[in-house]
Every structure is written in structure tokens, then in C-alpha cells.
Amino acid sequence: MTAKTKIAKTQATDLKVKLFRGFSDPSRLAILNALRSSGSLTVTEIVKATGLSQSNTSNHLGCLRYCGLVVCFQQGRFVRYQLSDERIATLLHLADELLADVAKGVDECSHYDDKEDC
């Protein structure tokens, strides 16, 4: 393996970690799932779908937009949000399918608890 290949693989791994960090927050995941289910939504509709506060929703939408997971567009006097790429919905769907098979192990794994570090 060349030094250039090793750096590229390290950078790719770091980027994947950052990508999955976007999915790891319960509020962000709730927003992504709401958008996956409904297509495009306003902040008010996302608040209603997720039960999050409006300020919390807006903050997380800002993060998701900045990271490229969500885009927004003007529709009349409303700003609507949607997933930036259909593969995000596919990834969330695949996670659901995978969890159907491995949920018990994931639930019992103490290495991924918020309070513990490997």
C-alpha cells in the first residue's frame, strides 16, 4: 500500500465517521426519518412529526443542511426541507432491515452506549 493510498483510506474512514455522526444524534435521526417518510416538510411539520421543539428542530436542520444531508427550498411563503439524496432514505431503510436481524446484539452491546467509551 502506497503512502497516498493509506492517506486516502484514512481520510475516507474519517469522512465515514463524520457522516455516521450525523445519523447518531436522536433528534437528527428523527428529523431524517420524518423527511424520509414524508418527502418535504416545513419546520412546523417536522416539529409536529418529531415532537421536538421548534428551536431544537431549526438548530438540527442547520447542522444537517451544513453537512449536506438535507436541502431546503422556498415554496410560496414557506421553506421546505427534504433529504438531499435518495440514498440517505435507502441507508435509513437498510439500517431498519439490518436492525431487524441484529437488534438484540446492538441493544446488549455496552461498547456503543453513550456513557461508555471503547
PDB file of N, CA and C in Angstrom:
ATOM      1  N   MET A   1       0.857  -1.186   0.000  1.00  0.00           N
ATOM      2  CA  MET A   1       0.000   0.000   0.000  1.00  0.00           C
ATOM      3  C   MET A   1       0.894   1.237   0.000  1.00  0.00           C
ATOM      4  N   THR A   2       0.644   2.123  -0.922  1.00  0.00           N
ATOM      5  CA  THR A   2       1.433   3.347  -1.004  1.00  0.00           C
ATOM      6  C   THR A   2       0.987   4.323   0.077  1.00  0.00           C
ATOM      7  N   ALA A   3       1.843   5.293   0.350  1.00  0.00           N
ATOM      8  CA  ALA A   3       1.506   6.310   1.358  1.00  0.00           C
ATOM      9  C   ALA A   3       0.259   7.078   0.946  1.00  0.00           C
ATOM     10  N   LYS A   4       0.143   7.364  -0.363  1.00  0.00           N
ATOM     11  CA  LYS A   4      -1.016   8.106  -0.865  1.00  0.00           C
ATOM     12  C   LYS A   4      -2.305   7.307  -0.656  1.00  0.00           C
ATOM     13  N   THR A   5      -2.258   6.005  -0.924  1.00  0.00           N
ATOM     14  CA  THR A   5      -3.432   5.147  -0.733  1.00  0.00           C
ATOM     15  C   THR A   5      -3.812   5.080   0.739  1.00  0.00           C
ATOM     16  N   LYS A   6      -2.805   4.990   1.611  1.00  0.00           N
ATOM     17  CA  LYS A   6      -3.068   4.921   3.048  1.00  0.00           C
ATOM     18  C   LYS A   6      -3.739   6.207   3.532  1.00  0.00           C
ATOM     19  N   ILE A   7      -3.247   7.356   3.073  1.00  0.00           N
ATOM     20  CA  ILE A   7      -3.855   8.636   3.454  1.00  0.00           C
ATOM     21  C   ILE A   7      -5.285   8.708   2.940  1.00  0.00           C
ATOM     22  N   ALA A   8      -5.488   8.296   1.694  1.00  0.00           N
ATOM     23  CA  ALA A   8      -6.833   8.333   1.116  1.00  0.00           C
ATOM     24  C   ALA A   8      -7.785   7.448   1.909  1.00  0.00           C
ATOM     25  N   LYS A   9      -7.330   6.260   2.318  1.00  0.00           N
ATOM     26  CA  LYS A   9      -8.184   5.362   3.099  1.00  0.00           C
ATOM     27  C   LYS A   9      -8.469   5.950   4.471  1.00  0.00           C
ATOM     28  N   THR A  10      -7.476   6.582   5.084  1.00  0.00           N
ATOM     29  CA  THR A  10      -7.677   7.225   6.380  1.00  0.00           C
ATOM     30  C   THR A  10      -8.673   8.362   6.255  1.00  0.00           C
ATOM     31  N   GLN A  11      -8.537   9.169   5.224  1.00  0.00           N
ATOM     32  CA  GLN A  11      -9.476  10.271   5.012  1.00  0.00           C
ATOM     33  C   GLN A  11     -10.881   9.748   4.752  1.00  0.00           C
ATOM     34  N   ALA A  12     -10.995   8.671   3.976  1.00  0.00           N
ATOM     35  CA  ALA A  12     -12.308   8.087   3.698  1.00  0.00           C
ATOM     36  C   ALA A  12     -12.937   7.566   4.983  1.00  0.00           C
ATOM     37  N   THR A  13     -12.134   6.939   5.827  1.00  0.00           N
ATOM     38  CA  THR A  13     -12.651   6.441   7.105  1.00  0.00           C
ATOM     39  C   THR A  13     -13.099   7.599   7.981  1.00  0.00           C
ATOM     40  N   ASP A  14     -12.294   8.639   8.048  1.00  0.00           N
ATOM     41  CA  ASP A  14     -12.663   9.813   8.851  1.00  0.00           C
ATOM     42  C   ASP A  14     -13.961  10.441   8.352  1.00  0.00           C
ATOM     43  N   LEU A  15     -14.121  10.515   7.036  1.00  0.00           N
ATOM     44  CA  LEU A  15     -15.348  11.078   6.470  1.00  0.00           C
ATOM     45  C   LEU A  15     -16.562  10.204   6.778  1.00  0.00           C
ATOM     46  N   LYS A  16     -16.375   8.889   6.748  1.00  0.00           N
ATOM     47  CA  LYS A  16     -17.483   7.986   7.094  1.00  0.00           C
ATOM     48  C   LYS A  16     -17.880   8.159   8.553  1.00  0.00           C
ATOM     49  N   VAL A  17     -16.894   8.312   9.421  1.00  0.00           N
ATOM     50  CA  VAL A  17     -17.186   8.546  10.838  1.00  0.00           C
ATOM     51  C   VAL A  17     -18.008   9.823  10.986  1.00  0.00           C
ATOM     52  N   LYS A  18     -17.615  10.879  10.295  1.00  0.00           N
ATOM     53  CA  LYS A  18     -18.369  12.139  10.355  1.00  0.00           C
ATOM     54  C   LYS A  18     -19.774  11.972   9.790  1.00  0.00           C
ATOM     55  N   LEU A  19     -19.896  11.243   8.683  1.00  0.00           N
ATOM     56  CA  LEU A  19     -21.209  11.003   8.088  1.00  0.00           C
ATOM     57  C   LEU A  19     -22.124  10.301   9.084  1.00  0.00           C
ATOM     58  N   PHE A  20     -21.636   9.232   9.688  1.00  0.00           N
ATOM     59  CA  PHE A  20     -22.470   8.478  10.623  1.00  0.00           C
ATOM     60  C   PHE A  20     -22.718   9.242  11.919  1.00  0.00           C
ATOM     61  N   ARG A  21     -21.841  10.181  12.255  1.00  0.00           N
ATOM     62  CA  ARG A  21     -22.095  11.040  13.408  1.00  0.00           C
ATOM     63  C   ARG A  21     -23.347  11.885  13.162  1.00  0.00           C
ATOM     64  N   GLY A  22     -23.575  12.254  11.923  1.00  0.00           N
ATOM     65  CA  GLY A  22     -24.788  12.989  11.566  1.00  0.00           C
ATOM     66  C   GLY A  22     -26.046  12.193  11.834  1.00  0.00           C
ATOM     67  N   PHE A  23     -25.945  10.881  11.727  1.00  0.00           N
ATOM     68  CA  PHE A  23     -27.084  10.000  11.981  1.00  0.00           C
ATOM     69  C   PHE A  23     -27.183   9.589  13.449  1.00  0.00           C
ATOM     70  N   SER A  24     -26.146   9.847  14.234  1.00  0.00           N
ATOM     71  CA  SER A  24     -26.094   9.284  15.587  1.00  0.00           C
ATOM     72  C   SER A  24     -26.871  10.072  16.633  1.00  0.00           C
ATOM     73  N   ASP A  25     -27.228  11.292  16.343  1.00  0.00           N
ATOM     74  CA  ASP A  25     -27.997  12.086  17.297  1.00  0.00           C
ATOM     75  C   ASP A  25     -29.481  11.742  17.161  1.00  0.00           C
ATOM     76  N   PRO A  26     -30.165  11.420  18.265  1.00  0.00           N
ATOM     77  CA  PRO A  26     -31.582  11.037  18.183  1.00  0.00           C
ATOM     78  C   PRO A  26     -32.470  12.094  17.531  1.00  0.00           C
ATOM     79  N   SER A  27     -32.204  13.358  17.783  1.00  0.00           N
ATOM     80  CA  SER A  27     -33.018  14.419  17.181  1.00  0.00           C
ATOM     81  C   SER A  27     -32.795  14.496  15.677  1.00  0.00           C
ATOM     82  N   ARG A  28     -31.532  14.437  15.260  1.00  0.00           N
ATOM     83  CA  ARG A  28     -31.245  14.481  13.825  1.00  0.00           C
ATOM     84  C   ARG A  28     -31.820  13.256  13.118  1.00  0.00           C
ATOM     85  N   LEU A  29     -31.710  12.106  13.761  1.00  0.00           N
ATOM     86  CA  LEU A  29     -32.253  10.889  13.165  1.00  0.00           C
ATOM     87  C   LEU A  29     -33.771  10.969  13.044  1.00  0.00           C
ATOM     88  N   ALA A  30     -34.430  11.535  14.046  1.00  0.00           N
ATOM     89  CA  ALA A  30     -35.888  11.709  13.981  1.00  0.00           C
ATOM     90  C   ALA A  30     -36.267  12.625  12.819  1.00  0.00           C
ATOM     91  N   ILE A  31     -35.502  13.682  12.619  1.00  0.00           N
ATOM     92  CA  ILE A  31     -35.763  14.603  11.508  1.00  0.00           C
ATOM     93  C   ILE A  31     -35.552  13.890  10.173  1.00  0.00           C
ATOM     94  N   LEU A  32     -34.452  13.171  10.048  1.00  0.00           N
ATOM     95  CA  LEU A  32     -34.177  12.451   8.805  1.00  0.00           C
ATOM     96  C   LEU A  32     -35.266  11.423   8.510  1.00  0.00           C
ATOM     97  N   ASN A  33     -35.716  10.714   9.542  1.00  0.00           N
ATOM     98  CA  ASN A  33     -36.781   9.727   9.348  1.00  0.00           C
ATOM     99  C   ASN A  33     -38.093  10.389   8.952  1.00  0.00           C
ATOM    100  N   ALA A  34     -38.387  11.541   9.539  1.00  0.00           N
ATOM    101  CA  ALA A  34     -39.610  12.264   9.169  1.00  0.00           C
ATOM    102  C   ALA A  34     -39.550  12.692   7.709  1.00  0.00           C
ATOM    103  N   LEU A  35     -38.399  13.174   7.280  1.00  0.00           N
ATOM    104  CA  LEU A  35     -38.238  13.584   5.885  1.00  0.00           C
ATOM    105  C   LEU A  35     -38.273  12.376   4.952  1.00  0.00           C
ATOM    106  N   ARG A  36     -37.737  11.274   5.408  1.00  0.00           N
ATOM    107  CA  ARG A  36     -37.782  10.046   4.600  1.00  0.00           C
ATOM    108  C   ARG A  36     -39.224   9.614   4.386  1.00  0.00           C
ATOM    109  N   SER A  37     -40.034   9.709   5.423  1.00  0.00           N
ATOM    110  CA  SER A  37     -41.426   9.257   5.353  1.00  0.00           C
ATOM    111  C   SER A  37     -42.319  10.199   4.558  1.00  0.00           C
ATOM    112  N   SER A  38     -42.025  11.489   4.638  1.00  0.00           N
ATOM    113  CA  SER A  38     -42.966  12.475   4.090  1.00  0.00           C
ATOM    114  C   SER A  38     -42.466  13.243   2.877  1.00  0.00           C
ATOM    115  N   GLY A  39     -41.256  13.036   2.483  1.00  0.00           N
ATOM    116  CA  GLY A  39     -40.731  13.802   1.348  1.00  0.00           C
ATOM    117  C   GLY A  39     -40.210  15.144   1.803  1.00  0.00           C
ATOM    118  N   SER A  40     -40.963  16.199   1.574  1.00  0.00           N
ATOM    119  CA  SER A  40     -40.531  17.524   2.018  1.00  0.00           C
ATOM    120  C   SER A  40     -41.492  18.040   3.083  1.00  0.00           C
ATOM    121  N   LEU A  41     -40.915  18.732   4.063  1.00  0.00           N
ATOM    122  CA  LEU A  41     -41.691  19.245   5.195  1.00  0.00           C
ATOM    123  C   LEU A  41     -41.211  20.639   5.577  1.00  0.00           C
ATOM    124  N   THR A  42     -42.110  21.424   6.158  1.00  0.00           N
ATOM    125  CA  THR A  42     -41.731  22.696   6.766  1.00  0.00           C
ATOM    126  C   THR A  42     -41.218  22.420   8.175  1.00  0.00           C
ATOM    127  N   VAL A  43     -40.607  23.420   8.792  1.00  0.00           N
ATOM    128  CA  VAL A  43     -40.153  23.265  10.175  1.00  0.00           C
ATOM    129  C   VAL A  43     -41.331  22.896  11.074  1.00  0.00           C
ATOM    130  N   THR A  44     -42.458  23.566  10.897  1.00  0.00           N
ATOM    131  CA  THR A  44     -43.643  23.288  11.719  1.00  0.00           C
ATOM    132  C   THR A  44     -44.088  21.842  11.556  1.00  0.00           C
ATOM    133  N   GLU A  45     -44.063  21.335  10.337  1.00  0.00           N
ATOM    134  CA  GLU A  45     -44.453  19.944  10.091  1.00  0.00           C
ATOM    135  C   GLU A  45     -43.451  18.970  10.706  1.00  0.00           C
ATOM    136  N   ILE A  46     -42.174  19.318  10.660  1.00  0.00           N
ATOM    137  CA  ILE A  46     -41.152  18.467  11.277  1.00  0.00           C
ATOM    138  C   ILE A  46     -41.336  18.451  12.788  1.00  0.00           C
ATOM    139  N   VAL A  47     -41.606  19.617  13.381  1.00  0.00           N
ATOM    140  CA  VAL A  47     -41.862  19.707  14.826  1.00  0.00           C
ATOM    141  C   VAL A  47     -43.023  18.788  15.198  1.00  0.00           C
ATOM    142  N   LYS A  48     -44.088  18.855  14.427  1.00  0.00           N
ATOM    143  CA  LYS A  48     -45.266  18.027  14.698  1.00  0.00           C
ATOM    144  C   LYS A  48     -44.944  16.537  14.549  1.00  0.00           C
ATOM    145  N   ALA A  49     -44.173  16.177  13.528  1.00  0.00           N
ATOM    146  CA  ALA A  49     -43.848  14.774  13.262  1.00  0.00           C
ATOM    147  C   ALA A  49     -42.887  14.186  14.288  1.00  0.00           C
ATOM    148  N   THR A  50     -41.988  15.019  14.830  1.00  0.00           N
ATOM    149  CA  THR A  50     -40.939  14.503  15.709  1.00  0.00           C
ATOM    150  C   THR A  50     -41.174  14.761  17.191  1.00  0.00           C
ATOM    151  N   GLY A  51     -41.982  15.768  17.510  1.00  0.00           N
ATOM    152  CA  GLY A  51     -42.166  16.143  18.910  1.00  0.00           C
ATOM    153  C   GLY A  51     -41.038  16.999  19.460  1.00  0.00           C
ATOM    154  N   LEU A  52     -40.109  17.405  18.608  1.00  0.00           N
ATOM    155  CA  LEU A  52     -39.008  18.269  19.034  1.00  0.00           C
ATOM    156  C   LEU A  52     -39.497  19.711  19.119  1.00  0.00           C
ATOM    157  N   SER A  53     -38.788  20.522  19.875  1.00  0.00           N
ATOM    158  CA  SER A  53     -39.129  21.944  19.919  1.00  0.00           C
ATOM    159  C   SER A  53     -38.733  22.596  18.594  1.00  0.00           C
ATOM    160  N   GLN A  54     -39.324  23.742  18.323  1.00  0.00           N
ATOM    161  CA  GLN A  54     -39.009  24.432  17.071  1.00  0.00           C
ATOM    162  C   GLN A  54     -37.547  24.873  17.031  1.00  0.00           C
ATOM    163  N   SER A  55     -37.034  25.390  18.147  1.00  0.00           N
ATOM    164  CA  SER A  55     -35.640  25.850  18.146  1.00  0.00           C
ATOM    165  C   SER A  55     -34.677  24.675  17.983  1.00  0.00           C
ATOM    166  N   ASN A  56     -34.968  23.557  18.644  1.00  0.00           N
ATOM    167  CA  ASN A  56     -34.131  22.368  18.515  1.00  0.00           C
ATOM    168  C   ASN A  56     -34.160  21.857  17.077  1.00  0.00           C
ATOM    169  N   THR A  57     -35.355  21.819  16.497  1.00  0.00           N
ATOM    170  CA  THR A  57     -35.506  21.375  15.111  1.00  0.00           C
ATOM    171  C   THR A  57     -34.715  22.279  14.172  1.00  0.00           C
ATOM    172  N   SER A  58     -34.851  23.578  14.334  1.00  0.00           N
ATOM    173  CA  SER A  58     -34.138  24.526  13.473  1.00  0.00           C
ATOM    174  C   SER A  58     -32.629  24.373  13.597  1.00  0.00           C
ATOM    175  N   ASN A  59     -32.140  24.193  14.821  1.00  0.00           N
ATOM    176  CA  ASN A  59     -30.700  24.011  15.029  1.00  0.00           C
ATOM    177  C   ASN A  59     -30.196  22.755  14.327  1.00  0.00           C
ATOM    178  N   HIS A  60     -30.932  21.658  14.483  1.00  0.00           N
ATOM    179  CA  HIS A  60     -30.501  20.407  13.855  1.00  0.00           C
ATOM    180  C   HIS A  60     -30.636  20.467  12.337  1.00  0.00           C
ATOM    181  N   LEU A  61     -31.663  21.132  11.839  1.00  0.00           N
ATOM    182  CA  LEU A  61     -31.782  21.305  10.390  1.00  0.00           C
ATOM    183  C   LEU A  61     -30.599  22.095   9.842  1.00  0.00           C
ATOM    184  N   GLY A  62     -30.157  23.093  10.581  1.00  0.00           N
ATOM    185  CA  GLY A  62     -28.976  23.851  10.171  1.00  0.00           C
ATOM    186  C   GLY A  62     -27.756  22.961  10.063  1.00  0.00           C
ATOM    187  N   CYS A  63     -27.580  22.098  11.041  1.00  0.00           N
ATOM    188  CA  CYS A  63     -26.463  21.152  11.038  1.00  0.00           C
ATOM    189  C   CYS A  63     -26.580  20.191   9.856  1.00  0.00           C
ATOM    190  N   LEU A  64     -27.770  19.642   9.661  1.00  0.00           N
ATOM    191  CA  LEU A  64     -27.988  18.689   8.569  1.00  0.00           C
ATOM    192  C   LEU A  64     -27.801  19.344   7.199  1.00  0.00           C
ATOM    193  N   ARG A  65     -28.211  20.601   7.075  1.00  0.00           N
ATOM    194  CA  ARG A  65     -28.002  21.339   5.820  1.00  0.00           C
ATOM    195  C   ARG A  65     -26.517  21.597   5.594  1.00  0.00           C
ATOM    196  N   TYR A  66     -25.837  22.055   6.629  1.00  0.00           N
ATOM    197  CA  TYR A  66     -24.418  22.367   6.524  1.00  0.00           C
ATOM    198  C   TYR A  66     -23.617  21.132   6.103  1.00  0.00           C
ATOM    199  N   CYS A  67     -24.027  19.976   6.612  1.00  0.00           N
ATOM    200  CA  CYS A  67     -23.326  18.723   6.308  1.00  0.00           C
ATOM    201  C   CYS A  67     -23.774  18.098   4.992  1.00  0.00           C
ATOM    202  N   GLY A  68     -24.766  18.687   4.344  1.00  0.00           N
ATOM    203  CA  GLY A  68     -25.185  18.202   3.039  1.00  0.00           C
ATOM    204  C   GLY A  68     -26.175  17.054   3.053  1.00  0.00           C
ATOM    205  N   LEU A  69     -26.765  16.759   4.211  1.00  0.00           N
ATOM    206  CA  LEU A  69     -27.735  15.664   4.285  1.00  0.00           C
ATOM    207  C   LEU A  69     -29.149  16.121   3.964  1.00  0.00           C
ATOM    208  N   VAL A  70     -29.405  17.416   4.116  1.00  0.00           N
ATOM    209  CA  VAL A  70     -30.734  17.990   3.897  1.00  0.00           C
ATOM    210  C   VAL A  70     -30.579  19.248   3.040  1.00  0.00           C
ATOM    211  N   VAL A  71     -31.545  19.480   2.180  1.00  0.00           N
ATOM    212  CA  VAL A  71     -31.605  20.720   1.401  1.00  0.00           C
ATOM    213  C   VAL A  71     -32.943  21.390   1.674  1.00  0.00           C
ATOM    214  N   CYS A  72     -33.008  22.681   1.379  1.00  0.00           N
ATOM    215  CA  CYS A  72     -34.272  23.390   1.557  1.00  0.00           C
ATOM    216  C   CYS A  72     -34.591  24.172   0.295  1.00  0.00           C
ATOM    217  N   PHE A  73     -35.866  24.484   0.144  1.00  0.00           N
ATOM    218  CA  PHE A  73     -36.319  25.271  -0.995  1.00  0.00           C
ATOM    219  C   PHE A  73     -37.549  26.056  -0.586  1.00  0.00           C
ATOM    220  N   GLN A  74     -37.731  27.160  -1.249  1.00  0.00           N
ATOM    221  CA  GLN A  74     -38.871  28.045  -0.986  1.00  0.00           C
ATOM    222  C   GLN A  74     -40.081  27.535  -1.755  1.00  0.00           C
ATOM    223  N   GLN A  75     -41.213  27.452  -1.072  1.00  0.00           N
ATOM    224  CA  GLN A  75     -42.482  27.119  -1.726  1.00  0.00           C
ATOM    225  C   GLN A  75     -43.514  28.119  -1.226  1.00  0.00           C
ATOM    226  N   GLY A  76     -43.776  29.110  -2.042  1.00  0.00           N
ATOM    227  CA  GLY A  76     -44.646  30.194  -1.591  1.00  0.00           C
ATOM    228  C   GLY A  76     -43.961  30.938  -0.465  1.00  0.00           C
ATOM    229  N   ARG A  77     -44.646  31.065   0.658  1.00  0.00           N
ATOM    230  CA  ARG A  77     -44.032  31.753   1.803  1.00  0.00           C
ATOM    231  C   ARG A  77     -43.383  30.789   2.793  1.00  0.00           C
ATOM    232  N   PHE A  78     -43.337  29.516   2.435  1.00  0.00           N
ATOM    233  CA  PHE A  78     -42.773  28.505   3.323  1.00  0.00           C
ATOM    234  C   PHE A  78     -41.431  28.001   2.811  1.00  0.00           C
ATOM    235  N   VAL A  79     -40.572  27.638   3.757  1.00  0.00           N
ATOM    236  CA  VAL A  79     -39.327  26.949   3.432  1.00  0.00           C
ATOM    237  C   VAL A  79     -39.564  25.475   3.728  1.00  0.00           C
ATOM    238  N   ARG A  80     -39.306  24.639   2.738  1.00  0.00           N
ATOM    239  CA  ARG A  80     -39.499  23.203   2.888  1.00  0.00           C
ATOM    240  C   ARG A  80     -38.133  22.522   2.888  1.00  0.00           C
ATOM    241  N   TYR A  81     -38.037  21.449   3.646  1.00  0.00           N
ATOM    242  CA  TYR A  81     -36.804  20.682   3.764  1.00  0.00           C
ATOM    243  C   TYR A  81     -37.032  19.285   3.216  1.00  0.00           C
ATOM    244  N   GLN A  82     -35.979  18.738   2.617  1.00  0.00           N
ATOM    245  CA  GLN A  82     -36.046  17.360   2.146  1.00  0.00           C
ATOM    246  C   GLN A  82     -34.644  16.759   2.195  1.00  0.00           C
ATOM    247  N   LEU A  83     -34.577  15.440   2.123  1.00  0.00           N
ATOM    248  CA  LEU A  83     -33.287  14.772   2.075  1.00  0.00           C
ATOM    249  C   LEU A  83     -32.564  15.212   0.808  1.00  0.00           C
ATOM    250  N   SER A  84     -31.276  15.389   0.901  1.00  0.00           N
ATOM    251  CA  SER A  84     -30.509  15.889  -0.242  1.00  0.00           C
ATOM    252  C   SER A  84     -30.261  14.824  -1.300  1.00  0.00           C
ATOM    253  N   ASP A  85     -30.408  13.565  -0.919  1.00  0.00           N
ATOM    254  CA  ASP A  85     -30.100  12.468  -1.834  1.00  0.00           C
ATOM    255  C   ASP A  85     -30.971  11.279  -1.454  1.00  0.00           C
ATOM    256  N   GLU A  86     -31.547  10.619  -2.427  1.00  0.00           N
ATOM    257  CA  GLU A  86     -32.417   9.475  -2.140  1.00  0.00           C
ATOM    258  C   GLU A  86     -31.665   8.335  -1.462  1.00  0.00           C
ATOM    259  N   ARG A  87     -30.335   8.309  -1.606  1.00  0.00           N
ATOM    260  CA  ARG A  87     -29.545   7.254  -0.958  1.00  0.00           C
ATOM    261  C   ARG A  87     -29.565   7.382   0.561  1.00  0.00           C
ATOM    262  N   ILE A  88     -29.849   8.571   1.078  1.00  0.00           N
ATOM    263  CA  ILE A  88     -29.993   8.735   2.530  1.00  0.00           C
ATOM    264  C   ILE A  88     -31.205   7.943   3.000  1.00  0.00           C
ATOM    265  N   ALA A  89     -32.307   8.038   2.275  1.00  0.00           N
ATOM    266  CA  ALA A  89     -33.500   7.253   2.608  1.00  0.00           C
ATOM    267  C   ALA A  89     -33.198   5.764   2.496  1.00  0.00           C
ATOM    268  N   THR A  90     -32.444   5.387   1.468  1.00  0.00           N
ATOM    269  CA  THR A  90     -32.061   3.984   1.293  1.00  0.00           C
ATOM    270  C   THR A  90     -31.210   3.511   2.460  1.00  0.00           C
ATOM    271  N   LEU A  91     -30.257   4.330   2.875  1.00  0.00           N
ATOM    272  CA  LEU A  91     -29.398   3.983   4.003  1.00  0.00           C
ATOM    273  C   LEU A  91     -30.212   3.800   5.279  1.00  0.00           C
ATOM    274  N   LEU A  92     -31.162   4.688   5.526  1.00  0.00           N
ATOM    275  CA  LEU A  92     -32.024   4.560   6.705  1.00  0.00           C
ATOM    276  C   LEU A  92     -32.872   3.297   6.620  1.00  0.00           C
ATOM    277  N   HIS A  93     -33.365   2.982   5.431  1.00  0.00           N
ATOM    278  CA  HIS A  93     -34.155   1.763   5.230  1.00  0.00           C
ATOM    279  C   HIS A  93     -33.292   0.523   5.469  1.00  0.00           C
ATOM    280  N   LEU A  94     -32.074   0.525   4.942  1.00  0.00           N
ATOM    281  CA  LEU A  94     -31.164  -0.601   5.153  1.00  0.00           C
ATOM    282  C   LEU A  94     -30.821  -0.768   6.630  1.00  0.00           C
ATOM    283  N   ALA A  95     -30.688   0.345   7.349  1.00  0.00           N
ATOM    284  CA  ALA A  95     -30.438   0.271   8.792  1.00  0.00           C
ATOM    285  C   ALA A  95     -31.610  -0.403   9.495  1.00  0.00           C
ATOM    286  N   ASP A  96     -32.835  -0.074   9.086  1.00  0.00           N
ATOM    287  CA  ASP A  96     -34.018  -0.726   9.656  1.00  0.00           C
ATOM    288  C   ASP A  96     -33.997  -2.226   9.390  1.00  0.00           C
ATOM    289  N   GLU A  97     -33.674  -2.608   8.164  1.00  0.00           N
ATOM    290  CA  GLU A  97     -33.611  -4.028   7.812  1.00  0.00           C
ATOM    291  C   GLU A  97     -32.515  -4.747   8.589  1.00  0.00           C
ATOM    292  N   LEU A  98     -31.360  -4.125   8.695  1.00  0.00           N
ATOM    293  CA  LEU A  98     -30.255  -4.725   9.436  1.00  0.00           C
ATOM    294  C   LEU A  98     -30.615  -4.890  10.902  1.00  0.00           C
ATOM    295  N   LEU A  99     -31.228  -3.870  11.480  1.00  0.00           N
ATOM    296  CA  LEU A  99     -31.619  -3.950  12.889  1.00  0.00           C
ATOM    297  C   LEU A  99     -32.633  -5.051  13.149  1.00  0.00           C
ATOM    298  N   ALA A 100     -33.454  -5.363  12.162  1.00  0.00           N
ATOM    299  CA  ALA A 100     -34.402  -6.462  12.322  1.00  0.00           C
ATOM    300  C   ALA A 100     -33.660  -7.769  12.599  1.00  0.00           C
ATOM    301  N   ASP A 101     -32.437  -7.880  12.102  1.00  0.00           N
ATOM    302  CA  ASP A 101     -31.649  -9.097  12.295  1.00  0.00           C
ATOM    303  C   ASP A 101     -30.680  -9.022  13.476  1.00  0.00           C
ATOM    304  N   VAL A 102     -30.209  -7.835  13.820  1.00  0.00           N
ATOM    305  CA  VAL A 102     -29.150  -7.735  14.831  1.00  0.00           C
ATOM    306  C   VAL A 102     -29.528  -6.872  16.035  1.00  0.00           C
ATOM    307  N   ALA A 103     -30.793  -6.532  16.185  1.00  0.00           N
ATOM    308  CA  ALA A 103     -31.214  -5.599  17.242  1.00  0.00           C
ATOM    309  C   ALA A 103     -30.819  -6.073  18.633  1.00  0.00           C
ATOM    310  N   LYS A 104     -30.969  -7.356  18.916  1.00  0.00           N
ATOM    311  CA  LYS A 104     -30.656  -7.871  20.254  1.00  0.00           C
ATOM    312  C   LYS A 104     -29.182  -7.628  20.590  1.00  0.00           C
ATOM    313  N   GLY A 105     -28.308  -7.939  19.656  1.00  0.00           N
ATOM    314  CA  GLY A 105     -26.883  -7.731  19.890  1.00  0.00           C
ATOM    315  C   GLY A 105     -26.528  -6.267  20.052  1.00  0.00           C
ATOM    316  N   VAL A 106     -27.113  -5.415  19.229  1.00  0.00           N
ATOM    317  CA  VAL A 106     -26.855  -3.976  19.325  1.00  0.00           C
ATOM    318  C   VAL A 106     -27.355  -3.447  20.660  1.00  0.00           C
ATOM    319  N   ASP A 107     -28.536  -3.883  21.071  1.00  0.00           N
ATOM    320  CA  ASP A 107     -29.114  -3.433  22.335  1.00  0.00           C
ATOM    321  C   ASP A 107     -28.254  -3.843  23.525  1.00  0.00           C
ATOM    322  N   GLU A 108     -27.682  -5.033  23.460  1.00  0.00           N
ATOM    323  CA  GLU A 108     -26.890  -5.546  24.582  1.00  0.00           C
ATOM    324  C   GLU A 108     -25.436  -5.089  24.552  1.00  0.00           C
ATOM    325  N   CYS A 109     -25.003  -4.465  23.470  1.00  0.00           N
ATOM    326  CA  CYS A 109     -23.606  -4.058  23.329  1.00  0.00           C
ATOM    327  C   CYS A 109     -23.317  -2.815  24.175  1.00  0.00           C
ATOM    328  N   SER A 110     -22.473  -2.976  25.172  1.00  0.00           N
ATOM    329  CA  SER A 110     -22.137  -1.849  26.047  1.00  0.00           C
ATOM    330  C   SER A 110     -21.081  -0.934  25.420  1.00  0.00           C
ATOM    331  N   HIS A 111     -20.423  -1.383  24.377  1.00  0.00           N
ATOM    332  CA  HIS A 111     -19.369  -0.574  23.753  1.00  0.00           C
ATOM    333  C   HIS A 111     -19.910   0.651  23.025  1.00  0.00           C
ATOM    334  N   TYR A 112     -21.187   0.629  22.654  1.00  0.00           N
ATOM    335  CA  TYR A 112     -21.767   1.745  21.917  1.00  0.00           C
ATOM    336  C   TYR A 112     -22.660   2.622  22.769  1.00  0.00           C
ATOM    337  N   ASP A 113     -22.723   2.354  24.063  1.00  0.00           N
ATOM    338  CA  ASP A 113     -23.533   3.203  24.936  1.00  0.00           C
ATOM    339  C   ASP A 113     -22.948   4.603  24.963  1.00  0.00           C
ATOM    340  N   ASP A 114     -23.830   5.588  25.119  1.00  0.00           N
ATOM    341  CA  ASP A 114     -23.388   6.981  25.165  1.00  0.00           C
ATOM    342  C   ASP A 114     -22.440   7.243  26.321  1.00  0.00           C
ATOM    343  N   LYS A 115     -22.617   6.524  27.392  1.00  0.00           N
ATOM    344  CA  LYS A 115     -21.858   6.813  28.604  1.00  0.00           C
ATOM    345  C   LYS A 115     -20.511   6.109  28.646  1.00  0.00           C
ATOM    346  N   GLU A 116     -20.310   5.141  27.777  1.00  0.00           N
ATOM    347  CA  GLU A 116     -19.077   4.377  27.813  1.00  0.00           C
ATOM    348  C   GLU A 116     -18.264   4.620  26.557  1.00  0.00           C
ATOM    349  N   ASP A 117     -16.986   4.428  26.691  1.00  0.00           N
ATOM    350  CA  ASP A 117     -16.099   4.560  25.552  1.00  0.00           C
ATOM    351  C   ASP A 117     -15.327   3.261  25.419  1.00  0.00           C
ATOM    352  N   CYS A 118     -15.165   2.802  24.188  1.00  0.00           N
ATOM    353  CA  CYS A 118     -14.395   1.574  23.963  1.00  0.00           C
ATOM    354  C   CYS A 118     -12.990   1.835  24.387  1.00  0.00           C
TER     355      CYS A 118
END
